[in-house]
PDB file of all heavy atoms in Angstrom:
ATOM      1  N   LEU A   1      99.868 101.106 104.927  1.00  0.00           N
ATOM      2  CA  LEU A   1     100.673 102.244 104.482  1.00  0.00           C
ATOM      3  C   LEU A   1     100.578 102.476 102.974  1.00  0.00           C
ATOM      4  O   LEU A   1     101.000 103.526 102.484  1.00  0.00           O
ATOM      5  CB  LEU A   1     102.136 102.026 104.874  1.00  0.00           C
ATOM      6  CG  LEU A   1     102.417 101.856 106.378  1.00  0.00           C
ATOM      7  CD1 LEU A   1     103.884 101.510 106.588  1.00  0.00           C
ATOM      8  CD2 LEU A   1     102.038 103.114 107.144  1.00  0.00           C
ATOM      9  N   ASN A   2     100.061 101.495 102.239  1.00  0.00           N
ATOM     10  CA  ASN A   2      99.981 101.593 100.780  1.00  0.00           C
ATOM     11  C   ASN A   2      98.531 101.382 100.351  1.00  0.00           C
ATOM     12  O   ASN A   2      98.061 100.256 100.206  1.00  0.00           O
ATOM     13  CB  ASN A   2     100.887 100.538 100.132  1.00  0.00           C
ATOM     14  CG  ASN A   2     100.963 100.672  98.616  1.00  0.00           C
ATOM     15  OD1 ASN A   2     100.089 101.287  97.999  1.00  0.00           O
ATOM     16  ND2 ASN A   2     101.989 100.107  98.018  1.00  0.00           N
ATOM     17  N   MET A   3      97.815 102.486 100.168  1.00  0.00           N
ATOM     18  CA  MET A   3      96.388 102.378  99.849  1.00  0.00           C
ATOM     19  C   MET A   3      96.157 101.802  98.449  1.00  0.00           C
ATOM     20  O   MET A   3      95.135 101.173  98.202  1.00  0.00           O
ATOM     21  CB  MET A   3      95.701 103.737  99.986  1.00  0.00           C
ATOM     22  CG  MET A   3      96.091 104.793  98.976  1.00  0.00           C
ATOM     23  SD  MET A   3      95.078 106.293  99.113  1.00  0.00           S
ATOM     24  CE  MET A   3      95.607 106.934 100.689  1.00  0.00           C
ATOM     25  N   TYR A   4      97.120 102.010  97.552  1.00  0.00           N
ATOM     26  CA  TYR A   4      96.973 101.430  96.214  1.00  0.00           C
ATOM     27  C   TYR A   4      96.959  99.898  96.313  1.00  0.00           C
ATOM     28  O   TYR A   4      96.138  99.222  95.682  1.00  0.00           O
ATOM     29  CB  TYR A   4      98.141 101.866  95.317  1.00  0.00           C
ATOM     30  CG  TYR A   4      98.263 103.356  95.146  1.00  0.00           C
ATOM     31  CD1 TYR A   4      99.194 104.082  95.876  1.00  0.00           C
ATOM     32  CD2 TYR A   4      97.448 104.041  94.249  1.00  0.00           C
ATOM     33  CE1 TYR A   4      99.311 105.455  95.731  1.00  0.00           C
ATOM     34  CE2 TYR A   4      97.554 105.408  94.094  1.00  0.00           C
ATOM     35  CZ  TYR A   4      98.486 106.119  94.840  1.00  0.00           C
ATOM     36  OH  TYR A   4      98.593 107.473  94.691  1.00  0.00           O
ATOM     37  N   LEU A   5      97.846  99.360  97.126  1.00  0.00           N
ATOM     38  CA  LEU A   5      97.920  97.916  97.302  1.00  0.00           C
ATOM     39  C   LEU A   5      96.694  97.397  98.051  1.00  0.00           C
ATOM     40  O   LEU A   5      96.159  96.335  97.719  1.00  0.00           O
ATOM     41  CB  LEU A   5      99.198  97.541  98.059  1.00  0.00           C
ATOM     42  CG  LEU A   5      99.455  96.045  98.248  1.00  0.00           C
ATOM     43  CD1 LEU A   5      99.518  95.325  96.906  1.00  0.00           C
ATOM     44  CD2 LEU A   5     100.751  95.824  99.031  1.00  0.00           C
ATOM     45  N   ALA A   6      96.241  98.146  99.047  1.00  0.00           N
ATOM     46  CA  ALA A   6      95.048  97.738  99.789  1.00  0.00           C
ATOM     47  C   ALA A   6      93.852  97.600  98.851  1.00  0.00           C
ATOM     48  O   ALA A   6      93.076  96.640  98.935  1.00  0.00           O
ATOM     49  CB  ALA A   6      94.741  98.749 100.890  1.00  0.00           C
ATOM     50  N   ALA A   7      93.701  98.552  97.930  1.00  0.00           N
ATOM     51  CA  ALA A   7      92.591  98.515  96.982  1.00  0.00           C
ATOM     52  C   ALA A   7      92.722  97.329  96.024  1.00  0.00           C
ATOM     53  O   ALA A   7      91.745  96.640  95.732  1.00  0.00           O
ATOM     54  CB  ALA A   7      92.523  99.819  96.196  1.00  0.00           C
ATOM     55  N   ALA A   8      93.940  97.084  95.546  1.00  0.00           N
ATOM     56  CA  ALA A   8      94.157  95.969  94.613  1.00  0.00           C
ATOM     57  C   ALA A   8      93.895  94.626  95.285  1.00  0.00           C
ATOM     58  O   ALA A   8      93.289  93.730  94.687  1.00  0.00           O
ATOM     59  CB  ALA A   8      95.585  96.019  94.066  1.00  0.00           C
ATOM     60  N   LEU A   9      94.329  94.473  96.522  1.00  0.00           N
ATOM     61  CA  LEU A   9      94.127  93.199  97.230  1.00  0.00           C
ATOM     62  C   LEU A   9      92.657  92.986  97.584  1.00  0.00           C
ATOM     63  O   LEU A   9      92.187  91.847  97.636  1.00  0.00           O
ATOM     64  CB  LEU A   9      94.990  93.152  98.488  1.00  0.00           C
ATOM     65  CG  LEU A   9      96.496  93.050  98.247  1.00  0.00           C
ATOM     66  CD1 LEU A   9      97.262  93.026  99.561  1.00  0.00           C
ATOM     67  CD2 LEU A   9      96.828  91.790  97.425  1.00  0.00           C
ATOM     68  N   ALA A  10      91.927  94.077  97.821  1.00  0.00           N
ATOM     69  CA  ALA A  10      90.484  93.946  98.058  1.00  0.00           C
ATOM     70  C   ALA A  10      89.806  93.385  96.809  1.00  0.00           C
ATOM     71  O   ALA A  10      88.909  92.541  96.895  1.00  0.00           O
ATOM     72  CB  ALA A  10      89.887  95.301  98.437  1.00  0.00           C
ATOM     73  N   GLN A  11      90.249  93.849  95.645  1.00  0.00           N
ATOM     74  CA  GLN A  11      89.702  93.317  94.391  1.00  0.00           C
ATOM     75  C   GLN A  11      90.066  91.839  94.226  1.00  0.00           C
ATOM     76  O   GLN A  11      89.251  91.036  93.769  1.00  0.00           O
ATOM     77  CB  GLN A  11      90.234  94.105  93.195  1.00  0.00           C
ATOM     78  CG  GLN A  11      89.640  95.489  93.058  1.00  0.00           C
ATOM     79  CD  GLN A  11      89.921  96.083  91.684  1.00  0.00           C
ATOM     80  OE1 GLN A  11      89.664  95.453  90.657  1.00  0.00           O
ATOM     81  NE2 GLN A  11      90.454  97.282  91.669  1.00  0.00           N
ATOM     82  N   ALA A  12      91.287  91.489  94.601  1.00  0.00           N
ATOM     83  CA  ALA A  12      91.725  90.097  94.487  1.00  0.00           C
ATOM     84  C   ALA A  12      90.866  89.191  95.358  1.00  0.00           C
ATOM     85  O   ALA A  12      90.462  88.092  94.937  1.00  0.00           O
ATOM     86  CB  ALA A  12      93.199  89.975  94.875  1.00  0.00           C
ATOM     87  N   ARG A  13      90.566  89.638  96.582  1.00  0.00           N
ATOM     88  CA  ARG A  13      89.714  88.841  97.469  1.00  0.00           C
ATOM     89  C   ARG A  13      88.309  88.714  96.910  1.00  0.00           C
ATOM     90  O   ARG A  13      87.710  87.634  96.932  1.00  0.00           O
ATOM     91  CB  ARG A  13      89.674  89.467  98.861  1.00  0.00           C
ATOM     92  CG  ARG A  13      90.925  89.247  99.697  1.00  0.00           C
ATOM     93  CD  ARG A  13      90.692  89.625 101.134  1.00  0.00           C
ATOM     94  NE  ARG A  13      90.398  91.034 101.275  1.00  0.00           N
ATOM     95  CZ  ARG A  13      91.312  91.986 101.427  1.00  0.00           C
ATOM     96  NH1 ARG A  13      92.599  91.670 101.452  1.00  0.00           N
ATOM     97  NH2 ARG A  13      90.958  93.251 101.566  1.00  0.00           N
ATOM     98  N   ALA A  14      87.765  89.820  96.417  1.00  0.00           N
ATOM     99  CA  ALA A  14      86.402  89.805  95.879  1.00  0.00           C
ATOM    100  C   ALA A  14      86.288  88.860  94.688  1.00  0.00           C
ATOM    101  O   ALA A  14      85.262  88.202  94.490  1.00  0.00           O
ATOM    102  CB  ALA A  14      85.977  91.215  95.478  1.00  0.00           C
ATOM    103  N   ALA A  15      87.348  88.778  93.889  1.00  0.00           N
ATOM    104  CA  ALA A  15      87.344  87.913  92.701  1.00  0.00           C
ATOM    105  C   ALA A  15      87.778  86.485  93.020  1.00  0.00           C
ATOM    106  O   ALA A  15      87.807  85.641  92.131  1.00  0.00           O
ATOM    107  CB  ALA A  15      88.265  88.498  91.642  1.00  0.00           C
ATOM    108  N   GLN A  16      88.121  86.222  94.290  1.00  0.00           N
ATOM    109  CA  GLN A  16      88.624  84.908  94.710  1.00  0.00           C
ATOM    110  C   GLN A  16      89.838  84.490  93.875  1.00  0.00           C
ATOM    111  O   GLN A  16      89.942  83.358  93.406  1.00  0.00           O
ATOM    112  CB  GLN A  16      87.516  83.845  94.631  1.00  0.00           C
ATOM    113  CG  GLN A  16      86.337  84.141  95.551  1.00  0.00           C
ATOM    114  CD  GLN A  16      85.276  83.071  95.513  1.00  0.00           C
ATOM    115  OE1 GLN A  16      84.992  82.491  94.457  1.00  0.00           O
ATOM    116  NE2 GLN A  16      84.678  82.798  96.655  1.00  0.00           N
ATOM    117  N   MET A  17      90.731  85.445  93.712  1.00  0.00           N
ATOM    118  CA  MET A  17      91.953  85.204  92.947  1.00  0.00           C
ATOM    119  C   MET A  17      92.852  84.229  93.716  1.00  0.00           C
ATOM    120  O   MET A  17      93.058  84.391  94.923  1.00  0.00           O
ATOM    121  CB  MET A  17      92.674  86.538  92.736  1.00  0.00           C
ATOM    122  CG  MET A  17      93.940  86.462  91.914  1.00  0.00           C
ATOM    123  SD  MET A  17      94.397  88.136  91.404  1.00  0.00           S
ATOM    124  CE  MET A  17      96.167  87.984  91.232  1.00  0.00           C
ATOM    125  N   PRO A  18      93.352  83.206  93.063  1.00  0.00           N
ATOM    126  CA  PRO A  18      94.212  82.224  93.747  1.00  0.00           C
ATOM    127  C   PRO A  18      95.424  82.867  94.397  1.00  0.00           C
ATOM    128  O   PRO A  18      95.983  83.844  93.889  1.00  0.00           O
ATOM    129  CB  PRO A  18      94.631  81.283  92.604  1.00  0.00           C
ATOM    130  CG  PRO A  18      93.563  81.421  91.583  1.00  0.00           C
ATOM    131  CD  PRO A  18      93.128  82.850  91.651  1.00  0.00           C
ATOM    132  N   LYS A  19      95.834  82.310  95.529  1.00  0.00           N
ATOM    133  CA  LYS A  19      96.974  82.841  96.273  1.00  0.00           C
ATOM    134  C   LYS A  19      98.234  82.847  95.418  1.00  0.00           C
ATOM    135  O   LYS A  19      99.053  83.769  95.496  1.00  0.00           O
ATOM    136  CB  LYS A  19      97.199  81.994  97.529  1.00  0.00           C
ATOM    137  CG  LYS A  19      98.294  82.512  98.441  1.00  0.00           C
ATOM    138  CD  LYS A  19      98.433  81.637  99.678  1.00  0.00           C
ATOM    139  CE  LYS A  19      99.550  82.128 100.579  1.00  0.00           C
ATOM    140  NZ  LYS A  19      99.707  81.265 101.780  1.00  0.00           N
ATOM    141  N   SER A  20      98.381  81.828  94.570  1.00  0.00           N
ATOM    142  CA  SER A  20      99.580  81.743  93.728  1.00  0.00           C
ATOM    143  C   SER A  20      99.670  82.930  92.772  1.00  0.00           C
ATOM    144  O   SER A  20     100.760  83.458  92.519  1.00  0.00           O
ATOM    145  CB  SER A  20      99.592  80.432  92.943  1.00  0.00           C
ATOM    146  OG  SER A  20      98.445  80.330  92.114  1.00  0.00           O
ATOM    147  N   ASN A  21      98.520  83.369  92.238  1.00  0.00           N
ATOM    148  CA  ASN A  21      98.517  84.529  91.344  1.00  0.00           C
ATOM    149  C   ASN A  21      98.933  85.792  92.090  1.00  0.00           C
ATOM    150  O   ASN A  21      99.692  86.618  91.580  1.00  0.00           O
ATOM    151  CB  ASN A  21      97.126  84.733  90.739  1.00  0.00           C
ATOM    152  CG  ASN A  21      96.717  83.618  89.805  1.00  0.00           C
ATOM    153  OD1 ASN A  21      96.826  82.450  90.151  1.00  0.00           O
ATOM    154  ND2 ASN A  21      96.216  83.952  88.627  1.00  0.00           N
ATOM    155  N   THR A  22      98.417  85.926  93.315  1.00  0.00           N
ATOM    156  CA  THR A  22      98.748  87.095  94.127  1.00  0.00           C
ATOM    157  C   THR A  22     100.237  87.116  94.452  1.00  0.00           C
ATOM    158  O   THR A  22     100.899  88.158  94.356  1.00  0.00           O
ATOM    159  CB  THR A  22      97.927  87.091  95.425  1.00  0.00           C
ATOM    160  OG1 THR A  22      96.529  87.025  95.112  1.00  0.00           O
ATOM    161  CG2 THR A  22      98.189  88.353  96.243  1.00  0.00           C
ATOM    162  N   GLU A  23     100.774  85.960  94.829  1.00  0.00           N
ATOM    163  CA  GLU A  23     102.203  85.881  95.172  1.00  0.00           C
ATOM    164  C   GLU A  23     103.079  86.218  93.971  1.00  0.00           C
ATOM    165  O   GLU A  23     104.100  86.893  94.104  1.00  0.00           O
ATOM    166  CB  GLU A  23     102.522  84.481  95.703  1.00  0.00           C
ATOM    167  CG  GLU A  23     101.904  84.201  97.072  1.00  0.00           C
ATOM    168  CD  GLU A  23     102.104  82.771  97.517  1.00  0.00           C
ATOM    169  OE1 GLU A  23     102.444  81.924  96.640  1.00  0.00           O
ATOM    170  OE2 GLU A  23     101.916  82.480  98.709  1.00  0.00           O
ATOM    171  N   THR A  24     102.675  85.749  92.789  1.00  0.00           N
ATOM    172  CA  THR A  24     103.427  86.054  91.569  1.00  0.00           C
ATOM    173  C   THR A  24     103.441  87.554  91.302  1.00  0.00           C
ATOM    174  O   THR A  24     104.482  88.135  90.951  1.00  0.00           O
ATOM    175  CB  THR A  24     102.818  85.316  90.361  1.00  0.00           C
ATOM    176  OG1 THR A  24     102.901  83.904  90.582  1.00  0.00           O
ATOM    177  CG2 THR A  24     103.549  85.676  89.072  1.00  0.00           C
ATOM    178  N   ALA A  25     102.279  88.198  91.490  1.00  0.00           N
ATOM    179  CA  ALA A  25     102.195  89.647  91.275  1.00  0.00           C
ATOM    180  C   ALA A  25     103.071  90.391  92.274  1.00  0.00           C
ATOM    181  O   ALA A  25     103.748  91.367  91.922  1.00  0.00           O
ATOM    182  CB  ALA A  25     100.738  90.095  91.390  1.00  0.00           C
ATOM    183  N   PHE A  26     103.087  89.924  93.531  1.00  0.00           N
ATOM    184  CA  PHE A  26     103.940  90.551  94.543  1.00  0.00           C
ATOM    185  C   PHE A  26     105.401  90.473  94.119  1.00  0.00           C
ATOM    186  O   PHE A  26     106.149  91.459  94.214  1.00  0.00           O
ATOM    187  CB  PHE A  26     103.752  89.857  95.897  1.00  0.00           C
ATOM    188  CG  PHE A  26     102.810  90.578  96.825  1.00  0.00           C
ATOM    189  CD1 PHE A  26     101.442  90.467  96.662  1.00  0.00           C
ATOM    190  CD2 PHE A  26     103.301  91.366  97.847  1.00  0.00           C
ATOM    191  CE1 PHE A  26     100.574  91.124  97.509  1.00  0.00           C
ATOM    192  CE2 PHE A  26     102.444  92.032  98.699  1.00  0.00           C
ATOM    193  CZ  PHE A  26     101.066  91.913  98.533  1.00  0.00           C
ATOM    194  N   LYS A  27     105.820  89.296  93.683  1.00  0.00           N
ATOM    195  CA  LYS A  27     107.219  89.105  93.281  1.00  0.00           C
ATOM    196  C   LYS A  27     107.581  90.033  92.123  1.00  0.00           C
ATOM    197  O   LYS A  27     108.663  90.627  92.101  1.00  0.00           O
ATOM    198  CB  LYS A  27     107.455  87.650  92.895  1.00  0.00           C
ATOM    199  CG  LYS A  27     107.412  86.681  94.075  1.00  0.00           C
ATOM    200  CD  LYS A  27     107.547  85.239  93.609  1.00  0.00           C
ATOM    201  CE  LYS A  27     107.442  84.272  94.777  1.00  0.00           C
ATOM    202  NZ  LYS A  27     107.483  82.855  94.335  1.00  0.00           N
ATOM    203  N   LYS A  28     106.676  90.165  91.163  1.00  0.00           N
ATOM    204  CA  LYS A  28     106.931  91.037  90.017  1.00  0.00           C
ATOM    205  C   LYS A  28     107.049  92.499  90.454  1.00  0.00           C
ATOM    206  O   LYS A  28     107.918  93.240  89.981  1.00  0.00           O
ATOM    207  CB  LYS A  28     105.815  90.893  88.973  1.00  0.00           C
ATOM    208  CG  LYS A  28     105.840  89.578  88.210  1.00  0.00           C
ATOM    209  CD  LYS A  28     104.717  89.540  87.186  1.00  0.00           C
ATOM    210  CE  LYS A  28     104.745  88.241  86.369  1.00  0.00           C
ATOM    211  NZ  LYS A  28     103.626  88.192  85.385  1.00  0.00           N
ATOM    212  N   GLY A  29     106.150  92.899  91.351  1.00  0.00           N
ATOM    213  CA  GLY A  29     106.173  94.276  91.820  1.00  0.00           C
ATOM    214  C   GLY A  29     107.442  94.597  92.587  1.00  0.00           C
ATOM    215  O   GLY A  29     108.077  95.634  92.356  1.00  0.00           O
ATOM    216  N   ILE A  30     107.824  93.696  93.484  1.00  0.00           N
ATOM    217  CA  ILE A  30     109.035  93.901  94.285  1.00  0.00           C
ATOM    218  C   ILE A  30     110.274  93.892  93.391  1.00  0.00           C
ATOM    219  O   ILE A  30     111.198  94.694  93.559  1.00  0.00           O
ATOM    220  CB  ILE A  30     109.124  92.826  95.382  1.00  0.00           C
ATOM    221  CG1 ILE A  30     107.995  93.030  96.395  1.00  0.00           C
ATOM    222  CG2 ILE A  30     110.480  92.873  96.079  1.00  0.00           C
ATOM    223  CD1 ILE A  30     107.819  91.888  97.369  1.00  0.00           C
ATOM    224  N   ALA A  31     110.285  92.980  92.409  1.00  0.00           N
ATOM    225  CA  ALA A  31     111.417  92.902  91.485  1.00  0.00           C
ATOM    226  C   ALA A  31     111.535  94.175  90.663  1.00  0.00           C
ATOM    227  O   ALA A  31     112.641  94.674  90.404  1.00  0.00           O
ATOM    228  CB  ALA A  31     111.258  91.692  90.574  1.00  0.00           C
ATOM    229  N   ALA A  32     110.383  94.724  90.270  1.00  0.00           N
ATOM    230  CA  ALA A  32     110.402  95.950  89.472  1.00  0.00           C
ATOM    231  C   ALA A  32     110.963  97.122  90.283  1.00  0.00           C
ATOM    232  O   ALA A  32     111.720  97.951  89.763  1.00  0.00           O
ATOM    233  CB  ALA A  32     108.996  96.275  88.985  1.00  0.00           C
ATOM    234  N   VAL A  33     110.603  97.176  91.560  1.00  0.00           N
ATOM    235  CA  VAL A  33     111.084  98.262  92.419  1.00  0.00           C
ATOM    236  C   VAL A  33     112.578  98.117  92.698  1.00  0.00           C
ATOM    237  O   VAL A  33     113.327  99.103  92.701  1.00  0.00           O
ATOM    238  CB  VAL A  33     110.296  98.294  93.747  1.00  0.00           C
ATOM    239  CG1 VAL A  33     110.913  99.292  94.718  1.00  0.00           C
ATOM    240  CG2 VAL A  33     108.837  98.656  93.487  1.00  0.00           C
ATOM    241  N   SER A  34     113.003  96.873  92.914  1.00  0.00           N
ATOM    242  CA  SER A  34     114.411  96.641  93.254  1.00  0.00           C
ATOM    243  C   SER A  34     115.344  96.764  92.053  1.00  0.00           C
ATOM    244  O   SER A  34     116.562  96.843  92.197  1.00  0.00           O
ATOM    245  CB  SER A  34     114.578  95.254  93.873  1.00  0.00           C
ATOM    246  OG  SER A  34     114.331  94.237  92.912  1.00  0.00           O
ATOM    247  N   GLY A  35     114.740  96.743  90.860  1.00  0.00           N
ATOM    248  CA  GLY A  35     115.553  96.861  89.657  1.00  0.00           C
ATOM    249  C   GLY A  35     116.026  95.538  89.120  1.00  0.00           C
ATOM    250  O   GLY A  35     116.769  95.485  88.140  1.00  0.00           O
ATOM    251  N   SER A  36     115.572  94.418  89.750  1.00  0.00           N
ATOM    252  CA  SER A  36     115.995  93.095  89.279  1.00  0.00           C
ATOM    253  C   SER A  36     115.146  92.605  88.123  1.00  0.00           C
ATOM    254  O   SER A  36     115.404  91.560  87.556  1.00  0.00           O
ATOM    255  CB  SER A  36     115.923  92.076  90.425  1.00  0.00           C
ATOM    256  OG  SER A  36     114.599  91.996  90.943  1.00  0.00           O
ATOM    257  N   ALA A  37     114.107  93.374  87.787  1.00  0.00           N
ATOM    258  CA  ALA A  37     113.277  93.028  86.629  1.00  0.00           C
ATOM    259  C   ALA A  37     113.382  94.141  85.610  1.00  0.00           C
ATOM    260  O   ALA A  37     113.611  95.306  85.946  1.00  0.00           O
ATOM    261  CB  ALA A  37     111.822  92.838  87.049  1.00  0.00           C
ATOM    262  N   LYS A  38     113.242  93.806  84.364  1.00  0.00           N
ATOM    263  CA  LYS A  38     113.299  94.802  83.303  1.00  0.00           C
ATOM    264  C   LYS A  38     112.122  95.742  83.444  1.00  0.00           C
ATOM    265  O   LYS A  38     110.996  95.316  83.702  1.00  0.00           O
ATOM    266  CB  LYS A  38     113.246  94.128  81.927  1.00  0.00           C
ATOM    267  CG  LYS A  38     114.486  93.297  81.613  1.00  0.00           C
ATOM    268  CD  LYS A  38     114.369  92.683  80.220  1.00  0.00           C
ATOM    269  CE  LYS A  38     115.617  91.869  79.874  1.00  0.00           C
ATOM    270  NZ  LYS A  38     115.513  91.252  78.540  1.00  0.00           N
ATOM    271  N   GLY A  39     112.376  96.995  83.311  1.00  0.00           N
ATOM    272  CA  GLY A  39     111.305  97.978  83.430  1.00  0.00           C
ATOM    273  C   GLY A  39     110.302  97.835  82.307  1.00  0.00           C
ATOM    274  O   GLY A  39     110.661  97.725  81.138  1.00  0.00           O
ATOM    275  N   GLY A  40     109.029  97.849  82.676  1.00  0.00           N
ATOM    276  CA  GLY A  40     107.971  97.737  81.688  1.00  0.00           C
ATOM    277  C   GLY A  40     107.634  99.106  81.126  1.00  0.00           C
ATOM    278  O   GLY A  40     108.181 100.135  81.535  1.00  0.00           O
ATOM    279  N   GLU A  41     106.732  99.120  80.189  1.00  0.00           N
ATOM    280  CA  GLU A  41     106.284 100.380  79.624  1.00  0.00           C
ATOM    281  C   GLU A  41     105.469 101.141  80.660  1.00  0.00           C
ATOM    282  O   GLU A  41     104.801 100.550  81.502  1.00  0.00           O
ATOM    283  CB  GLU A  41     105.440 100.108  78.380  1.00  0.00           C
ATOM    284  CG  GLU A  41     106.196  99.450  77.243  1.00  0.00           C
ATOM    285  CD  GLU A  41     105.283  99.179  76.056  1.00  0.00           C
ATOM    286  OE1 GLU A  41     105.168 100.063  75.197  1.00  0.00           O
ATOM    287  OE2 GLU A  41     104.672  98.102  76.026  1.00  0.00           O
ATOM    288  N   GLU A  42     105.533 102.446  80.575  1.00  0.00           N
ATOM    289  CA  GLU A  42     104.778 103.271  81.519  1.00  0.00           C
ATOM    290  C   GLU A  42     103.283 103.112  81.269  1.00  0.00           C
ATOM    291  O   GLU A  42     102.820 103.122  80.132  1.00  0.00           O
ATOM    292  CB  GLU A  42     105.182 104.734  81.360  1.00  0.00           C
ATOM    293  CG  GLU A  42     104.542 105.647  82.383  1.00  0.00           C
ATOM    294  CD  GLU A  42     105.045 107.072  82.270  1.00  0.00           C
ATOM    295  OE1 GLU A  42     106.063 107.269  81.570  1.00  0.00           O
ATOM    296  OE2 GLU A  42     104.428 107.966  82.859  1.00  0.00           O
ATOM    297  N   THR A  43     102.528 102.972  82.357  1.00  0.00           N
ATOM    298  CA  THR A  43     101.089 102.767  82.263  1.00  0.00           C
ATOM    299  C   THR A  43     100.346 104.059  82.563  1.00  0.00           C
ATOM    300  O   THR A  43     100.653 104.745  83.538  1.00  0.00           O
ATOM    301  CB  THR A  43     100.628 101.680  83.252  1.00  0.00           C
ATOM    302  OG1 THR A  43     101.311 100.464  82.961  1.00  0.00           O
ATOM    303  CG2 THR A  43      99.129 101.433  83.130  1.00  0.00           C
ATOM    304  N   ASP A  44      99.388 104.401  81.720  1.00  0.00           N
ATOM    305  CA  ASP A  44      98.539 105.569  81.933  1.00  0.00           C
ATOM    306  C   ASP A  44      97.153 105.118  82.359  1.00  0.00           C
ATOM    307  O   ASP A  44      96.639 104.105  81.873  1.00  0.00           O
ATOM    308  CB  ASP A  44      98.401 106.391  80.644  1.00  0.00           C
ATOM    309  CG  ASP A  44      99.702 107.043  80.214  1.00  0.00           C
ATOM    310  OD1 ASP A  44     100.481 107.413  81.113  1.00  0.00           O
ATOM    311  OD2 ASP A  44      99.930 107.167  79.005  1.00  0.00           O
TER     312      ASP A  44
END
């Protein structure tokens, strides 16, 4: 349902990114959406 995430995870697999790094990124993303993390600067 989220093509942006599908593309990012495909890159993670291709780069053999450790599972721990992926899990950390997931937590940050979910925290940012839920408002439990401080909002970062807008990315262009």
